[in-house]
Amino acid sequence: MDTEARKVVEMGWGGNERLVMNMGPQHPSAHGVFRAILTLEGETVVAVDAVIGYLHRCHEKLGETLTYVQYPTIASKTDYVAAMTSELAYVLAVEHLGKFEVPKRAQYLRVIAAELQRIASHCLWLGTWCLDIGGALGGGATIFLYAIREREDVLDLFEALTGARLLYGFHQVGGTRYDVPAGWDKQVRETIDRIERRLDEYEAMLEDNAFFLVRTQGVGVISPELAQEVGISGPLIRGSGIDFDLRRWAPYSSYEDFDFRVPVETAGDCYARYRVRMVEFRESITIVRQALDGLPEGPISSRPGVKSVGQVRVPKGEGYARVEGARGEVGCCIVADGSPKPYRMKWRGASFSNLAILPHILPGCKIADVVAIMGSIDPVFGEVDR
């Protein structure tokens, strides 16, 4: 916190003074329970005190009280709008530690689930972000309703696959809990074809809109040097010109089998982060098609179903796995003591690291820009207040 910036300075009769103002923690544009204490000169932000900790999840300590079989459904509750990703990071860490083999069919099913989850997560991001910006974007509600419509289609797929629409328990140590039901692959293809056609509609609605361009271009610029120094990831770092995607540079779950492009933009502003995500929509659709085309036959797990929640044990040691989530790098570290439960667990949440950029880029912008910048970062506080 910049204490010098907090000082009130009066400047003559027509002067100006600095005002300290809360934005959040229940502000609609906080995307959860984030509190930003802004120091303002008129409409200009001169200092930011970013406050987290209003949403105590405690799921790292909870993970030390639950068995390896029980915890995947808790991992869903970290980044709860991209639950498939968090589950995958956890089971990969356990599998790395216990040297579990994962059948090829299960690996492909994991990729399909992860990329459908990325599409659903980006739909929620796009809709809520445009709702934040509002104004000439059809009152902000038009693009929101369109994007949520597409997200619901993807959640229909997850419901048919797992029986749930938000928190799934799909990934299990050694493979997946469910195989695809009859006709599901056809339903997936029809859904992603429909979403792909509608992406053109979204882009026409936004990129031909002068208000959208003014609110996003040149706003919230993150330089490549700052991006690497702070340690942001995902669409944020790729929007700042850094070509880093774990699916390409540290492949897991057979991602090396698929041909896809990693989108990179160099401007580093809100618009660049928007463009990265719009391309990611299409690349995720491409990966899903390839995975469905090449889906191998065979089992979906390397171990039989458990008869007891304490049945799965891993040897003593430490394991870490990371995946490319919708918001960036999600990592899970597990220390095992040979029992059915982890001895220690620690998560690397993409949203937590990405939020650290705010005090660097908010000073100098207007209050209205704070809303646009926050939305372009797309934090989920379940993986921030761990």
Protein backbone atom coordinates (compact mmCIF):
# COMPACT_ATOMS: atom_id res chain seq x y z
CA MET A 1 0.00 0.00 0.00
CA ASP A 2 1.28 3.48 -0.91
CA THR A 3 0.79 5.44 2.34
CA GLU A 4 2.06 8.64 0.72
CA ALA A 5 -0.74 8.46 -1.86
CA ARG A 6 -3.34 8.31 0.92
CA LYS A 7 -2.52 11.83 2.15
CA VAL A 8 -5.20 14.43 1.48
CA VAL A 9 -3.87 17.36 -0.51
CA GLU A 10 -5.95 20.54 -0.91
CA MET A 11 -5.16 22.72 -3.91
CA GLY A 12 -6.75 26.17 -3.78
CA TRP A 13 -10.36 27.23 -4.29
CA GLY A 14 -10.97 25.25 -7.41
CA GLY A 15 -8.70 22.57 -6.13
CA ASN A 16 -8.66 18.89 -5.75
CA GLU A 17 -8.33 16.45 -2.89
CA ARG A 18 -7.61 12.79 -2.58
CA LEU A 19 -10.47 10.57 -1.58
CA VAL A 20 -10.23 7.02 -0.24
CA MET A 21 -13.08 4.85 -1.52
CA ASN A 22 -14.03 1.19 -1.14
CA MET A 23 -14.88 -0.85 -4.20
CA GLY A 24 -16.24 -4.11 -2.85
CA PRO A 25 -16.19 -6.60 -1.31
CA GLN A 26 -19.80 -6.90 -2.50
CA HIS A 27 -19.45 -4.75 -5.60
CA PRO A 28 -21.02 -6.51 -8.62
CA SER A 29 -17.84 -6.03 -10.64
CA ALA A 30 -15.62 -7.58 -7.97
CA HIS A 31 -16.41 -11.03 -9.42
CA GLY A 32 -16.75 -12.41 -5.93
CA VAL A 33 -15.64 -10.92 -2.64
CA PHE A 34 -12.64 -8.85 -3.64
CA ARG A 35 -12.15 -5.48 -1.95
CA ALA A 36 -10.17 -2.72 -3.61
CA ILE A 37 -9.46 0.35 -1.47
CA LEU A 38 -8.95 3.05 -4.08
CA THR A 39 -7.26 6.39 -3.50
CA LEU A 40 -8.70 8.84 -6.01
CA GLU A 41 -7.93 12.26 -7.40
CA GLY A 42 -11.24 13.09 -8.99
CA GLU A 43 -11.98 10.10 -11.24
CA THR A 44 -8.34 9.01 -11.44
CA VAL A 45 -6.96 6.16 -9.35
CA VAL A 46 -3.63 7.07 -7.76
CA ALA A 47 -3.21 4.12 -5.37
CA VAL A 48 -4.75 0.70 -4.74
CA ASP A 49 -4.84 -1.46 -1.63
CA ALA A 50 -6.01 -4.91 -2.75
CA VAL A 51 -7.68 -6.88 0.05
CA ILE A 52 -8.55 -10.57 -0.14
CA GLY A 53 -9.60 -13.09 2.50
CA TYR A 54 -13.36 -12.59 2.69
CA LEU A 55 -14.09 -16.09 1.38
CA HIS A 56 -12.40 -18.62 3.64
CA ARG A 57 -12.56 -21.98 1.86
CA CYS A 58 -9.99 -23.88 3.95
CA HIS A 59 -9.91 -26.61 1.32
CA GLU A 60 -6.16 -27.20 1.59
CA LYS A 61 -6.52 -28.24 5.24
CA LEU A 62 -9.74 -30.07 4.41
CA GLY A 63 -7.78 -32.08 1.85
CA GLU A 64 -5.59 -33.40 4.67
CA THR A 65 -8.65 -34.89 6.40
CA LEU A 66 -10.12 -36.63 3.34
CA THR A 67 -8.85 -39.67 1.49
CA TYR A 68 -7.48 -39.67 -2.04
CA VAL A 69 -10.80 -41.15 -3.17
CA GLN A 70 -12.93 -38.49 -1.48
CA TYR A 71 -11.08 -35.31 -2.34
CA PRO A 72 -11.68 -34.87 -6.13
CA THR A 73 -15.22 -33.62 -5.46
CA ILE A 74 -13.76 -31.03 -3.06
CA ALA A 75 -11.19 -29.95 -5.65
CA SER A 76 -14.17 -29.04 -7.84
CA LYS A 77 -15.05 -26.31 -5.37
CA THR A 78 -11.85 -24.30 -5.84
CA ASP A 79 -12.36 -22.73 -9.26
CA TYR A 80 -16.02 -23.66 -9.23
CA VAL A 81 -16.79 -22.37 -12.75
CA ALA A 82 -14.01 -24.59 -14.18
CA ALA A 83 -14.32 -27.55 -11.83
CA MET A 84 -13.01 -30.13 -14.30
CA THR A 85 -9.63 -28.35 -14.37
CA SER A 86 -9.09 -28.36 -10.60
CA GLU A 87 -10.04 -32.02 -10.32
CA LEU A 88 -7.55 -32.87 -13.05
CA ALA A 89 -4.67 -31.06 -11.32
CA TYR A 90 -5.32 -33.00 -8.12
CA VAL A 91 -5.55 -36.49 -9.62
CA LEU A 92 -2.46 -35.85 -11.77
CA ALA A 93 -0.49 -34.97 -8.63
CA VAL A 94 -1.61 -38.18 -6.88
CA GLU A 95 -0.89 -40.25 -9.99
CA HIS A 96 2.57 -38.73 -10.29
CA LEU A 97 3.29 -39.55 -6.67
CA GLY A 98 1.83 -43.07 -6.74
CA LYS A 99 3.12 -43.96 -10.25
CA PHE A 100 -0.43 -44.75 -11.42
CA GLU A 101 -0.90 -45.54 -15.09
CA VAL A 102 -3.85 -43.88 -16.84
CA PRO A 103 -5.47 -45.66 -19.83
CA LYS A 104 -5.34 -43.80 -23.13
CA ARG A 105 -9.14 -43.62 -23.35
CA ALA A 106 -9.30 -41.94 -19.96
CA GLN A 107 -6.62 -39.45 -21.01
CA TYR A 108 -8.64 -38.47 -24.07
CA LEU A 109 -11.84 -38.20 -22.02
CA ARG A 110 -10.00 -35.88 -19.64
CA VAL A 111 -8.95 -33.66 -22.55
CA ILE A 112 -12.51 -33.51 -23.90
CA ALA A 113 -13.85 -32.56 -20.45
CA ALA A 114 -11.12 -29.96 -19.90
CA GLU A 115 -11.68 -28.22 -23.23
CA LEU A 116 -15.46 -28.22 -22.90
CA GLN A 117 -14.91 -26.71 -19.45
CA ARG A 118 -12.68 -24.01 -20.94
CA ILE A 119 -15.44 -23.12 -23.41
CA ALA A 120 -18.05 -22.93 -20.62
CA SER A 121 -15.75 -20.85 -18.42
CA HIS A 122 -14.93 -18.40 -21.21
CA CYS A 123 -18.66 -18.05 -21.94
CA LEU A 124 -19.24 -16.98 -18.35
CA TRP A 125 -16.27 -14.62 -18.50
CA LEU A 126 -17.42 -12.98 -21.75
CA GLY A 127 -21.00 -12.51 -20.60
CA THR A 128 -20.21 -11.10 -17.16
CA TRP A 129 -17.41 -8.89 -18.47
CA CYS A 130 -19.68 -7.28 -21.05
CA LEU A 131 -22.32 -6.93 -18.35
CA ASP A 132 -19.71 -5.06 -16.29
CA ILE A 133 -18.88 -2.72 -19.15
CA GLY A 134 -22.59 -2.34 -20.00
CA GLY A 135 -23.60 0.81 -21.79
CA ALA A 136 -23.90 0.46 -25.55
CA LEU A 137 -23.38 -3.33 -25.51
CA GLY A 138 -27.11 -3.89 -25.73
CA GLY A 139 -27.38 -2.54 -22.23
CA GLY A 140 -24.71 -5.11 -21.36
CA ALA A 141 -27.38 -7.76 -20.95
CA THR A 142 -27.60 -8.86 -24.60
CA ILE A 143 -24.15 -10.45 -24.90
CA PHE A 144 -24.52 -11.81 -21.37
CA LEU A 145 -27.70 -13.69 -22.25
CA TYR A 146 -26.18 -14.98 -25.49
CA ALA A 147 -23.04 -16.28 -23.75
CA ILE A 148 -24.96 -17.89 -20.90
CA ARG A 149 -27.16 -19.61 -23.48
CA GLU A 150 -24.05 -21.30 -24.92
CA ARG A 151 -22.71 -22.12 -21.47
CA GLU A 152 -25.95 -23.89 -20.62
CA ASP A 153 -25.53 -26.05 -23.72
CA VAL A 154 -22.12 -27.19 -22.46
CA LEU A 155 -23.51 -27.81 -18.98
CA ASP A 156 -26.15 -30.02 -20.61
CA LEU A 157 -23.27 -32.14 -21.92
CA PHE A 158 -21.72 -32.38 -18.46
CA GLU A 159 -25.07 -33.30 -16.96
CA ALA A 160 -25.46 -36.13 -19.47
CA LEU A 161 -21.91 -37.30 -18.70
CA THR A 162 -21.81 -36.99 -14.90
CA GLY A 163 -25.30 -36.12 -13.68
CA ALA A 164 -24.14 -32.69 -12.45
CA ARG A 165 -23.95 -29.20 -13.93
CA LEU A 166 -21.37 -27.41 -11.75
CA LEU A 167 -19.32 -29.74 -9.51
CA TYR A 168 -18.64 -33.07 -11.17
CA GLY A 169 -16.34 -35.60 -9.49
CA PHE A 170 -15.50 -36.82 -12.99
CA HIS A 171 -11.76 -37.36 -12.52
CA GLN A 172 -10.58 -40.16 -10.26
CA VAL A 173 -7.11 -41.40 -9.38
CA GLY A 174 -6.13 -43.73 -12.23
CA GLY A 175 -8.68 -42.54 -14.77
CA THR A 176 -12.22 -41.21 -14.94
CA ARG A 177 -15.35 -42.18 -13.04
CA TYR A 178 -17.68 -42.19 -16.08
CA ASP A 179 -17.51 -43.28 -19.69
CA VAL A 180 -19.46 -41.50 -22.41
CA PRO A 181 -23.14 -42.46 -22.67
CA ALA A 182 -24.68 -43.57 -25.96
CA GLY A 183 -25.05 -40.72 -28.43
CA TRP A 184 -23.06 -38.28 -26.30
CA ASP A 185 -20.34 -37.75 -28.90
CA LYS A 186 -22.95 -36.69 -31.47
CA GLN A 187 -24.47 -34.27 -28.96
CA VAL A 188 -21.00 -32.80 -28.31
CA ARG A 189 -20.34 -32.26 -32.01
CA GLU A 190 -23.68 -30.55 -32.55
CA THR A 191 -23.10 -28.27 -29.55
CA ILE A 192 -19.59 -27.14 -30.49
CA ASP A 193 -20.66 -26.59 -34.12
CA ARG A 194 -23.43 -24.29 -32.88
CA ILE A 195 -21.10 -22.40 -30.53
CA GLU A 196 -18.49 -21.97 -33.26
CA ARG A 197 -21.06 -20.31 -35.54
CA ARG A 198 -22.15 -17.95 -32.78
CA LEU A 199 -18.62 -16.76 -32.01
CA ASP A 200 -18.71 -14.76 -35.25
CA GLU A 201 -21.88 -13.11 -33.96
CA TYR A 202 -20.20 -12.17 -30.68
CA GLU A 203 -17.21 -10.64 -32.45
CA ALA A 204 -19.37 -8.64 -34.85
CA MET A 205 -21.39 -7.31 -31.93
CA LEU A 206 -18.30 -6.21 -29.99
CA GLU A 207 -15.53 -5.39 -32.44
CA ASP A 208 -17.75 -3.17 -34.58
CA ASN A 209 -18.81 -1.25 -31.47
CA ALA A 210 -16.85 1.96 -30.89
CA PHE A 211 -17.76 2.03 -27.20
CA PHE A 212 -16.35 -1.46 -26.63
CA LEU A 213 -13.12 -0.57 -28.38
CA VAL A 214 -12.68 2.64 -26.37
CA ARG A 215 -13.33 0.80 -23.09
CA THR A 216 -10.80 -1.97 -23.84
CA GLN A 217 -8.02 -0.79 -26.16
CA GLY A 218 -5.07 0.76 -24.34
CA VAL A 219 -6.70 0.05 -20.97
CA GLY A 220 -4.96 -1.98 -18.26
CA VAL A 221 -1.74 -2.55 -20.19
CA ILE A 222 0.58 -5.26 -18.80
CA SER A 223 4.09 -5.25 -20.26
CA PRO A 224 5.84 -8.57 -20.96
CA GLU A 225 8.44 -7.76 -18.32
CA LEU A 226 5.82 -7.02 -15.66
CA ALA A 227 3.84 -10.12 -16.60
CA GLN A 228 6.84 -12.36 -15.96
CA GLU A 229 7.97 -10.52 -12.85
CA VAL A 230 4.56 -10.81 -11.13
CA GLY A 231 4.00 -14.40 -12.31
CA ILE A 232 0.66 -14.15 -14.08
CA SER A 233 -0.40 -16.88 -16.48
CA GLY A 234 -3.09 -17.99 -18.89
CA PRO A 235 -4.78 -15.48 -21.20
CA LEU A 236 -3.18 -12.63 -19.24
CA ILE A 237 0.42 -13.56 -19.98
CA ARG A 238 -0.39 -14.60 -23.56
CA GLY A 239 -2.14 -11.26 -24.05
CA SER A 240 1.15 -9.59 -23.12
CA GLY A 241 3.16 -11.31 -25.82
CA ILE A 242 4.49 -14.32 -23.89
CA ASP A 243 3.92 -17.65 -25.64
CA PHE A 244 3.36 -19.87 -22.60
CA ASP A 245 0.76 -22.62 -22.45
CA LEU A 246 1.30 -25.76 -20.37
CA ARG A 247 -0.65 -27.85 -22.86
CA ARG A 248 2.09 -27.12 -25.39
CA TRP A 249 5.25 -26.66 -23.29
CA ALA A 250 4.62 -29.28 -20.57
CA PRO A 251 2.00 -31.62 -22.09
CA TYR A 252 -0.12 -33.82 -19.87
CA SER A 253 -2.97 -36.27 -20.51
CA SER A 254 -1.92 -36.79 -24.17
CA TYR A 255 -2.14 -33.12 -25.22
CA GLU A 256 0.90 -33.80 -27.36
CA ASP A 257 -1.39 -35.86 -29.64
CA PHE A 258 -3.43 -32.82 -30.69
CA ASP A 259 -2.77 -30.04 -33.16
CA PHE A 260 -3.80 -26.62 -31.91
CA ARG A 261 -2.62 -23.02 -31.93
CA VAL A 262 -1.61 -21.05 -28.84
CA PRO A 263 -2.97 -17.50 -29.37
CA VAL A 264 -0.65 -14.65 -28.45
CA GLU A 265 -1.33 -10.91 -28.56
CA THR A 266 1.28 -8.22 -27.97
CA ALA A 267 -0.72 -5.14 -26.88
CA GLY A 268 -1.15 -6.35 -23.28
CA ASP A 269 -4.42 -4.45 -22.80
CA CYS A 270 -7.99 -5.56 -22.07
CA TYR A 271 -8.69 -5.96 -25.77
CA ALA A 272 -5.66 -8.23 -26.24
CA ARG A 273 -6.85 -10.48 -23.41
CA TYR A 274 -10.28 -10.55 -25.04
CA ARG A 275 -8.78 -11.59 -28.38
CA VAL A 276 -6.74 -14.38 -26.79
CA ARG A 277 -9.85 -15.88 -25.20
CA MET A 278 -11.89 -15.61 -28.40
CA VAL A 279 -9.24 -17.60 -30.27
CA GLU A 280 -9.08 -20.09 -27.39
CA PHE A 281 -12.79 -20.76 -27.89
CA ARG A 282 -12.08 -21.98 -31.40
CA GLU A 283 -8.92 -23.89 -30.48
CA SER A 284 -10.75 -25.74 -27.72
CA ILE A 285 -13.42 -26.72 -30.23
CA THR A 286 -10.66 -28.00 -32.56
CA ILE A 287 -9.12 -30.10 -29.76
CA VAL A 288 -12.50 -31.61 -28.80
CA ARG A 289 -13.13 -32.65 -32.40
CA GLN A 290 -9.70 -34.29 -32.66
CA ALA A 291 -10.18 -36.12 -29.35
CA LEU A 292 -13.59 -37.43 -30.39
CA ASP A 293 -12.22 -38.55 -33.76
CA GLY A 294 -9.32 -40.41 -32.16
CA LEU A 295 -11.00 -41.61 -28.95
CA PRO A 296 -9.39 -45.01 -28.23
CA GLU A 297 -11.24 -48.09 -27.11
CA GLY A 298 -10.45 -49.65 -23.76
CA PRO A 299 -10.90 -49.12 -20.02
CA ILE A 300 -11.44 -45.73 -18.41
CA SER A 301 -9.45 -46.51 -15.26
CA SER A 302 -6.32 -48.47 -14.37
CA ARG A 303 -7.78 -49.67 -11.08
CA PRO A 304 -11.06 -51.37 -10.13
CA GLY A 305 -13.78 -49.51 -8.30
CA VAL A 306 -13.08 -49.06 -4.61
CA LYS A 307 -15.07 -50.80 -1.89
CA SER A 308 -13.71 -48.50 0.81
CA VAL A 309 -12.79 -44.79 0.74
CA GLY A 310 -9.46 -45.70 2.35
CA GLN A 311 -8.57 -48.29 -0.24
CA VAL A 312 -6.27 -46.08 -2.36
CA ARG A 313 -2.87 -45.39 -0.82
CA VAL A 314 0.28 -43.85 -2.25
CA PRO A 315 3.86 -44.26 -1.01
CA LYS A 316 5.68 -41.62 1.00
CA GLY A 317 6.92 -38.73 -1.07
CA GLU A 318 6.01 -35.43 -2.65
CA GLY A 319 4.23 -34.85 -5.96
CA TYR A 320 3.31 -31.76 -7.95
CA ALA A 321 1.20 -31.45 -11.07
CA ARG A 322 0.07 -28.41 -13.04
CA VAL A 323 -2.48 -27.91 -15.76
CA GLU A 324 -3.51 -25.07 -18.07
CA GLY A 325 -6.84 -23.92 -16.69
CA ALA A 326 -9.18 -21.34 -18.17
CA ARG A 327 -7.45 -18.66 -16.04
CA GLY A 328 -3.91 -19.97 -16.27
CA GLU A 329 -1.64 -22.34 -14.42
CA VAL A 330 -3.35 -24.42 -11.72
CA GLY A 331 -0.97 -26.51 -9.63
CA CYS A 332 -1.41 -28.99 -6.79
CA CYS A 333 1.37 -30.15 -4.46
CA ILE A 334 0.83 -33.21 -2.25
CA VAL A 335 3.05 -34.63 0.49
CA ALA A 336 2.18 -38.26 1.26
CA ASP A 337 3.02 -40.29 4.36
CA GLY A 338 1.80 -43.67 3.12
CA SER A 339 -1.69 -43.35 4.61
CA PRO A 340 -4.96 -43.08 2.64
CA LYS A 341 -4.88 -39.28 3.15
CA PRO A 342 -2.38 -36.59 2.10
CA TYR A 343 -0.10 -35.38 4.88
CA ARG A 344 0.04 -31.89 3.36
CA MET A 345 -1.58 -30.19 0.39
CA LYS A 346 -0.90 -26.85 -1.27
CA TRP A 347 -2.50 -25.27 -4.34
CA ARG A 348 -1.27 -22.76 -6.87
CA GLY A 349 -4.41 -20.91 -7.94
CA ALA A 350 -4.27 -19.02 -11.22
CA SER A 351 -6.67 -16.32 -9.99
CA PHE A 352 -4.57 -15.69 -6.87
CA SER A 353 -1.41 -15.02 -8.87
CA ASN A 354 -3.23 -13.03 -11.55
CA LEU A 355 -4.80 -10.67 -9.00
CA ALA A 356 -1.30 -9.57 -7.94
CA ILE A 357 -1.10 -7.54 -11.14
CA LEU A 358 -3.83 -5.08 -10.10
CA PRO A 359 -1.76 -2.68 -7.91
CA HIS A 360 0.70 -2.38 -10.80
CA ILE A 361 -1.78 -1.45 -13.54
CA LEU A 362 -4.71 0.31 -11.82
CA PRO A 363 -2.92 3.57 -10.76
CA GLY A 364 -3.44 6.17 -13.45
CA CYS A 365 -6.68 4.74 -14.81
CA LYS A 366 -10.24 5.97 -14.25
CA ILE A 367 -12.78 4.39 -11.89
CA ALA A 368 -14.74 3.03 -14.86
CA ASP A 369 -11.54 1.39 -16.14
CA VAL A 370 -11.14 -0.50 -12.86
CA VAL A 371 -14.32 -2.39 -13.71
CA ALA A 372 -13.14 -3.27 -17.22
CA ILE A 373 -9.68 -4.32 -16.01
CA MET A 374 -11.03 -6.51 -13.21
CA GLY A 375 -13.33 -8.27 -15.67
CA SER A 376 -10.49 -8.85 -18.12
CA ILE A 377 -8.52 -10.65 -15.39
CA ASP A 378 -11.48 -12.99 -14.73
CA PRO A 379 -10.76 -14.03 -11.12
CA VAL A 380 -12.68 -16.73 -9.28
CA PHE A 381 -12.33 -16.35 -5.54
CA GLY A 382 -12.76 -19.99 -4.64
CA GLU A 383 -9.12 -20.47 -5.71
CA VAL A 384 -7.97 -17.13 -4.25
CA ASP A 385 -9.04 -17.43 -0.60
CA ARG A 386 -7.87 -20.99 -0.21
